[in-house]
Protein backbone atom coordinates (compact mmCIF):
# COMPACT_ATOMS: atom_id res chain seq x y z
CA MET A 1 -36.05 37.83 69.71
CA ASN A 2 -39.11 36.00 70.86
CA GLY A 3 -39.82 32.72 69.03
CA ASN A 4 -43.39 32.80 70.36
CA LEU A 5 -44.45 35.63 68.03
CA ARG A 6 -45.12 34.97 64.34
CA LYS A 7 -44.15 38.53 63.34
CA ASN A 8 -40.53 37.85 64.43
CA ILE A 9 -40.13 34.88 62.07
CA THR A 10 -39.66 35.08 58.32
CA PRO A 11 -38.50 32.49 55.77
CA GLY A 12 -34.74 32.55 55.35
CA ILE A 13 -33.75 33.34 58.95
CA THR A 14 -31.70 30.96 61.09
CA VAL A 15 -33.44 29.57 64.16
CA ASP A 16 -33.08 26.93 66.86
CA ILE A 17 -36.11 24.64 67.08
CA VAL A 18 -37.22 21.76 69.28
CA LEU A 19 -38.35 18.74 67.26
CA LYS A 20 -41.36 16.74 68.51
CA LYS A 21 -39.10 13.78 69.39
CA ASP A 22 -36.77 16.06 71.36
CA GLN A 23 -39.44 17.79 73.48
CA PRO A 24 -38.71 15.68 76.60
CA THR A 25 -35.00 16.59 76.51
CA GLY A 26 -35.27 20.11 75.03
CA ARG A 27 -32.50 19.36 72.50
CA LEU A 28 -32.25 22.16 69.92
CA THR A 29 -31.81 21.79 66.16
CA ARG A 30 -30.48 24.73 64.14
CA GLY A 31 -31.66 25.46 60.62
CA ILE A 32 -33.03 27.96 58.14
CA VAL A 33 -36.79 28.56 58.02
CA LYS A 34 -38.51 27.46 54.82
CA ASP A 35 -42.20 27.66 55.85
CA ILE A 36 -44.15 29.01 58.83
CA LEU A 37 -46.77 26.45 59.83
CA THR A 38 -48.51 28.22 62.74
CA ASN A 39 -51.35 30.46 61.54
CA SER A 40 -51.99 32.30 64.81
CA GLN A 41 -49.99 35.41 65.73
CA SER A 42 -48.49 33.79 68.83
CA HIS A 43 -48.07 30.41 70.49
CA PRO A 44 -46.89 29.80 74.08
CA HIS A 45 -44.55 26.94 73.07
CA GLY A 46 -43.12 28.65 69.99
CA ILE A 47 -44.18 29.12 66.38
CA LYS A 48 -44.10 25.88 64.39
CA VAL A 49 -41.87 26.03 61.30
CA ARG A 50 -40.47 23.75 58.60
CA LEU A 51 -36.73 24.06 58.02
CA GLN A 52 -35.13 23.90 54.58
CA ASP A 53 -34.06 20.30 55.28
CA GLY A 54 -37.70 19.33 55.96
CA GLN A 55 -37.57 19.05 59.76
CA VAL A 56 -40.54 20.50 61.66
CA GLY A 57 -40.46 21.97 65.15
CA ARG A 58 -41.20 24.94 67.38
CA VAL A 59 -38.91 27.97 67.43
CA LYS A 60 -37.07 28.46 70.73
CA GLN A 61 -34.43 30.99 69.62
CA ILE A 62 -33.95 33.27 66.65
CA ILE A 63 -30.31 33.39 65.55
CA SER A 64 -28.51 36.08 63.56
CA GLY A 65 -25.12 34.77 62.45
CA ASP A 66 -23.40 33.43 65.59
CA ALA A 67 -25.15 35.80 68.02
CA ILE A 68 -28.51 35.34 69.69
CA VAL A 69 -30.78 38.26 68.83
């Protein structure tokens, strides 16, 4: 699913995000969404979210179990 659209992201789903510090390398961090921080319906670089562990980044992939949706 597309991480650029807010409607695809809900609290509780597992996602891969890029943290601000990792933007130059594109390194992904996996976690569970706690809060959606982007108010607009879409964003070209991915919707900004806060994970349950407090990390903030932009969604690059939406994960369902071990498979990419």
